[in-house]
PDB file of all heavy atoms in Angstrom:
ATOM      1  N   GLY A   1       0.854   8.050   9.846  1.00  0.00           N
ATOM      2  CA  GLY A   1      -0.208   8.205  10.859  1.00  0.00           C
ATOM      3  C   GLY A   1      -1.442   8.818  10.341  1.00  0.00           C
ATOM      4  O   GLY A   1      -2.423   8.956  11.105  1.00  0.00           O
ATOM      5  N   ASN A   2      -1.476   9.212   9.079  1.00  0.00           N
ATOM      6  CA  ASN A   2      -2.645   9.857   8.500  1.00  0.00           C
ATOM      7  C   ASN A   2      -3.622   8.822   7.908  1.00  0.00           C
ATOM      8  O   ASN A   2      -3.569   8.533   6.707  1.00  0.00           O
ATOM      9  CB  ASN A   2      -2.196  10.855   7.368  1.00  0.00           C
ATOM     10  CG  ASN A   2      -3.355  11.752   6.867  1.00  0.00           C
ATOM     11  OD1 ASN A   2      -4.501  11.393   6.955  1.00  0.00           O
ATOM     12  ND2 ASN A   2      -2.982  12.893   6.293  1.00  0.00           N
ATOM     13  N   LYS A   3      -4.479   8.265   8.749  1.00  0.00           N
ATOM     14  CA  LYS A   3      -5.288   7.146   8.333  1.00  0.00           C
ATOM     15  C   LYS A   3      -6.249   7.552   7.172  1.00  0.00           C
ATOM     16  O   LYS A   3      -6.499   6.743   6.275  1.00  0.00           O
ATOM     17  CB  LYS A   3      -6.159   6.663   9.510  1.00  0.00           C
ATOM     18  CG  LYS A   3      -5.341   5.949  10.615  1.00  0.00           C
ATOM     19  CD  LYS A   3      -6.263   5.433  11.681  1.00  0.00           C
ATOM     20  CE  LYS A   3      -5.478   4.699  12.756  1.00  0.00           C
ATOM     21  NZ  LYS A   3      -6.304   4.166  13.827  1.00  0.00           N
ATOM     22  N   GLN A   4      -6.726   8.773   7.238  1.00  0.00           N
ATOM     23  CA  GLN A   4      -7.628   9.222   6.174  1.00  0.00           C
ATOM     24  C   GLN A   4      -6.963   9.238   4.805  1.00  0.00           C
ATOM     25  O   GLN A   4      -7.538   8.742   3.805  1.00  0.00           O
ATOM     26  CB  GLN A   4      -8.157  10.618   6.495  1.00  0.00           C
ATOM     27  CG  GLN A   4      -9.311  11.071   5.625  1.00  0.00           C
ATOM     28  CD  GLN A   4      -9.920  12.421   6.092  1.00  0.00           C
ATOM     29  OE1 GLN A   4      -9.479  12.944   7.143  1.00  0.00           O
ATOM     30  NE2 GLN A   4     -10.873  12.932   5.373  1.00  0.00           N
ATOM     31  N   ALA A   5      -5.770   9.741   4.778  1.00  0.00           N
ATOM     32  CA  ALA A   5      -5.006   9.813   3.477  1.00  0.00           C
ATOM     33  C   ALA A   5      -4.593   8.371   3.055  1.00  0.00           C
ATOM     34  O   ALA A   5      -4.711   8.056   1.882  1.00  0.00           O
ATOM     35  CB  ALA A   5      -3.795  10.715   3.627  1.00  0.00           C
ATOM     36  N   ILE A   6      -4.160   7.588   4.005  1.00  0.00           N
ATOM     37  CA  ILE A   6      -3.713   6.249   3.654  1.00  0.00           C
ATOM     38  C   ILE A   6      -4.842   5.391   3.096  1.00  0.00           C
ATOM     39  O   ILE A   6      -4.648   4.580   2.205  1.00  0.00           O
ATOM     40  CB  ILE A   6      -3.103   5.550   4.908  1.00  0.00           C
ATOM     41  CG1 ILE A   6      -1.815   6.237   5.305  1.00  0.00           C
ATOM     42  CG2 ILE A   6      -2.869   4.046   4.694  1.00  0.00           C
ATOM     43  CD1 ILE A   6      -1.280   5.881   6.702  1.00  0.00           C
ATOM     44  N   ALA A   7      -6.045   5.635   3.579  1.00  0.00           N
ATOM     45  CA  ALA A   7      -7.225   4.898   3.129  1.00  0.00           C
ATOM     46  C   ALA A   7      -7.557   5.134   1.649  1.00  0.00           C
ATOM     47  O   ALA A   7      -8.218   4.304   0.991  1.00  0.00           O
ATOM     48  CB  ALA A   7      -8.446   5.185   3.963  1.00  0.00           C
ATOM     49  N   THR A   8      -7.029   6.261   1.096  1.00  0.00           N
ATOM     50  CA  THR A   8      -7.351   6.577  -0.313  1.00  0.00           C
ATOM     51  C   THR A   8      -6.304   5.970  -1.264  1.00  0.00           C
ATOM     52  O   THR A   8      -6.487   6.090  -2.493  1.00  0.00           O
ATOM     53  CB  THR A   8      -7.331   8.078  -0.513  1.00  0.00           C
ATOM     54  OG1 THR A   8      -6.016   8.651  -0.287  1.00  0.00           O
ATOM     55  CG2 THR A   8      -8.341   8.754   0.453  1.00  0.00           C
ATOM     56  N   ILE A   9      -5.216   5.383  -0.756  1.00  0.00           N
ATOM     57  CA  ILE A   9      -4.156   4.890  -1.628  1.00  0.00           C
ATOM     58  C   ILE A   9      -4.558   3.623  -2.389  1.00  0.00           C
ATOM     59  O   ILE A   9      -5.078   2.695  -1.723  1.00  0.00           O
ATOM     60  CB  ILE A   9      -2.883   4.609  -0.783  1.00  0.00           C
ATOM     61  CG1 ILE A   9      -2.329   5.912  -0.204  1.00  0.00           C
ATOM     62  CG2 ILE A   9      -1.793   3.910  -1.630  1.00  0.00           C
ATOM     63  CD1 ILE A   9      -1.171   5.725   0.726  1.00  0.00           C
ATOM     64  N   ASP A  10      -4.386   3.595  -3.652  1.00  0.00           N
ATOM     65  CA  ASP A  10      -4.703   2.455  -4.481  1.00  0.00           C
ATOM     66  C   ASP A  10      -3.370   1.687  -4.673  1.00  0.00           C
ATOM     67  O   ASP A  10      -2.492   2.064  -5.438  1.00  0.00           O
ATOM     68  CB  ASP A  10      -5.226   2.894  -5.874  1.00  0.00           C
ATOM     69  CG  ASP A  10      -5.516   1.650  -6.780  1.00  0.00           C
ATOM     70  OD1 ASP A  10      -5.438   0.554  -6.287  1.00  0.00           O
ATOM     71  OD2 ASP A  10      -5.774   1.942  -7.949  1.00  0.00           O
ATOM     72  N   ILE A  11      -3.237   0.554  -3.926  1.00  0.00           N
ATOM     73  CA  ILE A  11      -1.942  -0.133  -3.968  1.00  0.00           C
ATOM     74  C   ILE A  11      -1.684  -0.792  -5.306  1.00  0.00           C
ATOM     75  O   ILE A  11      -0.486  -1.079  -5.593  1.00  0.00           O
ATOM     76  CB  ILE A  11      -1.885  -1.237  -2.869  1.00  0.00           C
ATOM     77  CG1 ILE A  11      -2.997  -2.236  -3.032  1.00  0.00           C
ATOM     78  CG2 ILE A  11      -1.900  -0.600  -1.450  1.00  0.00           C
ATOM     79  CD1 ILE A  11      -2.912  -3.390  -2.011  1.00  0.00           C
ATOM     80  N   GLN A  12      -2.689  -0.967  -6.141  1.00  0.00           N
ATOM     81  CA  GLN A  12      -2.420  -1.529  -7.491  1.00  0.00           C
ATOM     82  C   GLN A  12      -1.442  -0.711  -8.275  1.00  0.00           C
ATOM     83  O   GLN A  12      -0.690  -1.264  -9.133  1.00  0.00           O
ATOM     84  CB  GLN A  12      -3.763  -1.673  -8.242  1.00  0.00           C
ATOM     85  CG  GLN A  12      -4.790  -2.557  -7.593  1.00  0.00           C
ATOM     86  CD  GLN A  12      -4.315  -4.039  -7.504  1.00  0.00           C
ATOM     87  OE1 GLN A  12      -3.662  -4.517  -8.387  1.00  0.00           O
ATOM     88  NE2 GLN A  12      -4.658  -4.692  -6.393  1.00  0.00           N
ATOM     89  N   LYS A  13      -1.396   0.579  -8.018  1.00  0.00           N
ATOM     90  CA  LYS A  13      -0.532   1.513  -8.767  1.00  0.00           C
ATOM     91  C   LYS A  13       0.959   1.240  -8.437  1.00  0.00           C
ATOM     92  O   LYS A  13       1.844   1.643  -9.198  1.00  0.00           O
ATOM     93  CB  LYS A  13      -0.854   2.941  -8.403  1.00  0.00           C
ATOM     94  CG  LYS A  13      -2.177   3.440  -8.953  1.00  0.00           C
ATOM     95  CD  LYS A  13      -2.537   4.815  -8.353  1.00  0.00           C
ATOM     96  CE  LYS A  13      -1.491   5.835  -8.622  1.00  0.00           C
ATOM     97  NZ  LYS A  13      -1.850   7.153  -8.105  1.00  0.00           N
ATOM     98  N   TYR A  14       1.246   0.576  -7.322  1.00  0.00           N
ATOM     99  CA  TYR A  14       2.667   0.448  -6.884  1.00  0.00           C
ATOM    100  C   TYR A  14       3.155  -1.009  -6.928  1.00  0.00           C
ATOM    101  O   TYR A  14       4.285  -1.286  -6.504  1.00  0.00           O
ATOM    102  CB  TYR A  14       2.734   0.972  -5.417  1.00  0.00           C
ATOM    103  CG  TYR A  14       2.207   2.363  -5.319  1.00  0.00           C
ATOM    104  CD1 TYR A  14       0.871   2.581  -4.833  1.00  0.00           C
ATOM    105  CD2 TYR A  14       2.934   3.473  -5.700  1.00  0.00           C
ATOM    106  CE1 TYR A  14       0.382   3.864  -4.745  1.00  0.00           C
ATOM    107  CE2 TYR A  14       2.408   4.768  -5.587  1.00  0.00           C
ATOM    108  CZ  TYR A  14       1.115   4.950  -5.166  1.00  0.00           C
ATOM    109  OH  TYR A  14       0.613   6.234  -5.087  1.00  0.00           O
ATOM    110  N   ILE A  15       2.340  -1.869  -7.519  1.00  0.00           N
ATOM    111  CA  ILE A  15       2.794  -3.261  -7.676  1.00  0.00           C
ATOM    112  C   ILE A  15       3.805  -3.400  -8.787  1.00  0.00           C
ATOM    113  O   ILE A  15       3.687  -2.694  -9.821  1.00  0.00           O
ATOM    114  CB  ILE A  15       1.538  -4.187  -7.970  1.00  0.00           C
ATOM    115  CG1 ILE A  15       0.591  -4.263  -6.791  1.00  0.00           C
ATOM    116  CG2 ILE A  15       2.035  -5.578  -8.347  1.00  0.00           C
ATOM    117  CD1 ILE A  15      -0.665  -5.016  -7.029  1.00  0.00           C
ATOM    118  N   SER A  16       4.826  -4.180  -8.557  1.00  0.00           N
ATOM    119  CA  SER A  16       5.882  -4.387  -9.550  1.00  0.00           C
ATOM    120  C   SER A  16       6.337  -5.853  -9.437  1.00  0.00           C
ATOM    121  O   SER A  16       5.797  -6.635  -8.695  1.00  0.00           O
ATOM    122  CB  SER A  16       7.067  -3.459  -9.266  1.00  0.00           C
ATOM    123  OG  SER A  16       7.696  -3.768  -8.062  1.00  0.00           O
ATOM    124  N   ASP A  17       7.355  -6.199 -10.252  1.00  0.00           N
ATOM    125  CA  ASP A  17       7.857  -7.545 -10.179  1.00  0.00           C
ATOM    126  C   ASP A  17       8.471  -7.841  -8.852  1.00  0.00           C
ATOM    127  O   ASP A  17       8.517  -8.986  -8.367  1.00  0.00           O
ATOM    128  CB  ASP A  17       8.956  -7.757 -11.296  1.00  0.00           C
ATOM    129  CG  ASP A  17       8.353  -7.710 -12.668  1.00  0.00           C
ATOM    130  OD1 ASP A  17       7.144  -7.925 -12.793  1.00  0.00           O
ATOM    131  OD2 ASP A  17       9.124  -7.478 -13.623  1.00  0.00           O
ATOM    132  N   GLU A  18       8.979  -6.830  -8.177  1.00  0.00           N
ATOM    133  CA  GLU A  18       9.643  -7.011  -6.861  1.00  0.00           C
ATOM    134  C   GLU A  18       8.696  -6.821  -5.705  1.00  0.00           C
ATOM    135  O   GLU A  18       8.912  -7.356  -4.628  1.00  0.00           O
ATOM    136  CB  GLU A  18      10.787  -6.047  -6.685  1.00  0.00           C
ATOM    137  CG  GLU A  18      11.999  -6.213  -7.666  1.00  0.00           C
ATOM    138  CD  GLU A  18      11.742  -5.727  -9.039  1.00  0.00           C
ATOM    139  OE1 GLU A  18      10.968  -4.765  -9.191  1.00  0.00           O
ATOM    140  OE2 GLU A  18      12.291  -6.346  -9.990  1.00  0.00           O
ATOM    141  N   VAL A  19       7.648  -6.088  -5.869  1.00  0.00           N
ATOM    142  CA  VAL A  19       6.729  -5.690  -4.776  1.00  0.00           C
ATOM    143  C   VAL A  19       5.339  -6.165  -5.098  1.00  0.00           C
ATOM    144  O   VAL A  19       4.749  -5.815  -6.132  1.00  0.00           O
ATOM    145  CB  VAL A  19       6.779  -4.181  -4.560  1.00  0.00           C
ATOM    146  CG1 VAL A  19       5.807  -3.803  -3.425  1.00  0.00           C
ATOM    147  CG2 VAL A  19       8.196  -3.711  -4.222  1.00  0.00           C
ATOM    148  N   GLY A  20       4.754  -6.947  -4.175  1.00  0.00           N
ATOM    149  CA  GLY A  20       3.426  -7.485  -4.450  1.00  0.00           C
ATOM    150  C   GLY A  20       2.389  -6.897  -3.480  1.00  0.00           C
ATOM    151  O   GLY A  20       2.676  -6.027  -2.649  1.00  0.00           O
ATOM    152  N   VAL A  21       1.167  -7.384  -3.578  1.00  0.00           N
ATOM    153  CA  VAL A  21       0.032  -6.867  -2.838  1.00  0.00           C
ATOM    154  C   VAL A  21       0.241  -7.021  -1.314  1.00  0.00           C
ATOM    155  O   VAL A  21       0.007  -6.098  -0.542  1.00  0.00           O
ATOM    156  CB  VAL A  21      -1.274  -7.606  -3.254  1.00  0.00           C
ATOM    157  CG1 VAL A  21      -2.431  -7.177  -2.309  1.00  0.00           C
ATOM    158  CG2 VAL A  21      -1.617  -7.266  -4.673  1.00  0.00           C
ATOM    159  N   LEU A  22       0.669  -8.204  -0.875  1.00  0.00           N
ATOM    160  CA  LEU A  22       0.835  -8.434   0.573  1.00  0.00           C
ATOM    161  C   LEU A  22       1.868  -7.521   1.183  1.00  0.00           C
ATOM    162  O   LEU A  22       1.705  -7.035   2.311  1.00  0.00           O
ATOM    163  CB  LEU A  22       1.233  -9.908   0.805  1.00  0.00           C
ATOM    164  CG  LEU A  22       0.241 -10.979   0.388  1.00  0.00           C
ATOM    165  CD1 LEU A  22       0.815 -12.339   0.547  1.00  0.00           C
ATOM    166  CD2 LEU A  22      -1.007 -10.845   1.208  1.00  0.00           C
ATOM    167  N   TYR A  23       2.963  -7.302   0.454  1.00  0.00           N
ATOM    168  CA  TYR A  23       4.034  -6.417   0.939  1.00  0.00           C
ATOM    169  C   TYR A  23       3.473  -4.983   1.087  1.00  0.00           C
ATOM    170  O   TYR A  23       3.637  -4.318   2.140  1.00  0.00           O
ATOM    171  CB  TYR A  23       5.151  -6.404  -0.099  1.00  0.00           C
ATOM    172  CG  TYR A  23       6.398  -5.656   0.311  1.00  0.00           C
ATOM    173  CD1 TYR A  23       7.529  -6.384   0.818  1.00  0.00           C
ATOM    174  CD2 TYR A  23       6.494  -4.299   0.243  1.00  0.00           C
ATOM    175  CE1 TYR A  23       8.640  -5.709   1.189  1.00  0.00           C
ATOM    176  CE2 TYR A  23       7.665  -3.649   0.651  1.00  0.00           C
ATOM    177  CZ  TYR A  23       8.725  -4.331   1.114  1.00  0.00           C
ATOM    178  OH  TYR A  23       9.887  -3.698   1.505  1.00  0.00           O
ATOM    179  N   LEU A  24       2.702  -4.495   0.070  1.00  0.00           N
ATOM    180  CA  LEU A  24       2.179  -3.127   0.142  1.00  0.00           C
ATOM    181  C   LEU A  24       1.106  -2.990   1.215  1.00  0.00           C
ATOM    182  O   LEU A  24       1.034  -1.947   1.859  1.00  0.00           O
ATOM    183  CB  LEU A  24       1.617  -2.799  -1.254  1.00  0.00           C
ATOM    184  CG  LEU A  24       2.618  -2.638  -2.350  1.00  0.00           C
ATOM    185  CD1 LEU A  24       1.956  -2.546  -3.690  1.00  0.00           C
ATOM    186  CD2 LEU A  24       3.499  -1.391  -2.106  1.00  0.00           C
ATOM    187  N   LYS A  25       0.349  -4.006   1.432  1.00  0.00           N
ATOM    188  CA  LYS A  25      -0.647  -3.961   2.502  1.00  0.00           C
ATOM    189  C   LYS A  25       0.035  -3.774   3.856  1.00  0.00           C
ATOM    190  O   LYS A  25      -0.463  -3.044   4.736  1.00  0.00           O
ATOM    191  CB  LYS A  25      -1.545  -5.226   2.544  1.00  0.00           C
ATOM    192  CG  LYS A  25      -2.624  -5.213   1.445  1.00  0.00           C
ATOM    193  CD  LYS A  25      -3.484  -6.478   1.586  1.00  0.00           C
ATOM    194  CE  LYS A  25      -4.627  -6.466   0.524  1.00  0.00           C
ATOM    195  NZ  LYS A  25      -5.434  -7.669   0.601  1.00  0.00           N
ATOM    196  N   ASP A  26       1.123  -4.529   4.045  1.00  0.00           N
ATOM    197  CA  ASP A  26       1.883  -4.363   5.337  1.00  0.00           C
ATOM    198  C   ASP A  26       2.501  -2.979   5.457  1.00  0.00           C
ATOM    199  O   ASP A  26       2.542  -2.428   6.554  1.00  0.00           O
ATOM    200  CB  ASP A  26       3.022  -5.398   5.343  1.00  0.00           C
ATOM    201  CG  ASP A  26       2.513  -6.778   5.833  1.00  0.00           C
ATOM    202  OD1 ASP A  26       1.352  -6.869   6.349  1.00  0.00           O
ATOM    203  OD2 ASP A  26       3.254  -7.767   5.700  1.00  0.00           O
ATOM    204  N   VAL A  27       2.951  -2.396   4.339  1.00  0.00           N
ATOM    205  CA  VAL A  27       3.459  -1.023   4.376  1.00  0.00           C
ATOM    206  C   VAL A  27       2.417  -0.046   4.813  1.00  0.00           C
ATOM    207  O   VAL A  27       2.646   0.779   5.737  1.00  0.00           O
ATOM    208  CB  VAL A  27       4.038  -0.610   2.991  1.00  0.00           C
ATOM    209  CG1 VAL A  27       4.344   0.855   2.950  1.00  0.00           C
ATOM    210  CG2 VAL A  27       5.301  -1.405   2.651  1.00  0.00           C
ATOM    211  N   LEU A  28       1.226  -0.166   4.255  1.00  0.00           N
ATOM    212  CA  LEU A  28       0.126   0.780   4.616  1.00  0.00           C
ATOM    213  C   LEU A  28      -0.281   0.603   6.076  1.00  0.00           C
ATOM    214  O   LEU A  28      -0.536   1.553   6.800  1.00  0.00           O
ATOM    215  CB  LEU A  28      -1.069   0.567   3.721  1.00  0.00           C
ATOM    216  CG  LEU A  28      -0.861   0.910   2.235  1.00  0.00           C
ATOM    217  CD1 LEU A  28      -2.194   0.827   1.454  1.00  0.00           C
ATOM    218  CD2 LEU A  28      -0.299   2.327   2.057  1.00  0.00           C
ATOM    219  N   LYS A  29      -0.342  -0.672   6.500  1.00  0.00           N
ATOM    220  CA  LYS A  29      -0.680  -0.981   7.891  1.00  0.00           C
ATOM    221  C   LYS A  29       0.315  -0.365   8.836  1.00  0.00           C
ATOM    222  O   LYS A  29      -0.103   0.208   9.909  1.00  0.00           O
ATOM    223  CB  LYS A  29      -0.765  -2.477   8.070  1.00  0.00           C
ATOM    224  CG  LYS A  29      -1.258  -2.918   9.455  1.00  0.00           C
ATOM    225  CD  LYS A  29      -1.345  -4.443   9.505  1.00  0.00           C
ATOM    226  CE  LYS A  29      -1.822  -4.926  10.857  1.00  0.00           C
ATOM    227  NZ  LYS A  29      -1.869  -6.374  10.979  1.00  0.00           N
ATOM    228  N   GLU A  30       1.569  -0.422   8.494  1.00  0.00           N
ATOM    229  CA  GLU A  30       2.600   0.159   9.358  1.00  0.00           C
ATOM    230  C   GLU A  30       2.587   1.695   9.319  1.00  0.00           C
ATOM    231  O   GLU A  30       2.847   2.335  10.353  1.00  0.00           O
ATOM    232  CB  GLU A  30       3.991  -0.359   8.912  1.00  0.00           C
ATOM    233  CG  GLU A  30       5.133   0.018   9.852  1.00  0.00           C
ATOM    234  CD  GLU A  30       4.996  -0.508  11.260  1.00  0.00           C
ATOM    235  OE1 GLU A  30       4.289  -1.505  11.451  1.00  0.00           O
ATOM    236  OE2 GLU A  30       5.577   0.146  12.185  1.00  0.00           O
TER     237      GLU A  30
END
């Protein structure tokens, strides 16, 4: 629920063979 902190997250750091950009965007949105 911390929108300010979530906005600073660079999802590129968490991409892997199993986890892609679309998946991570949904995680942050949720």
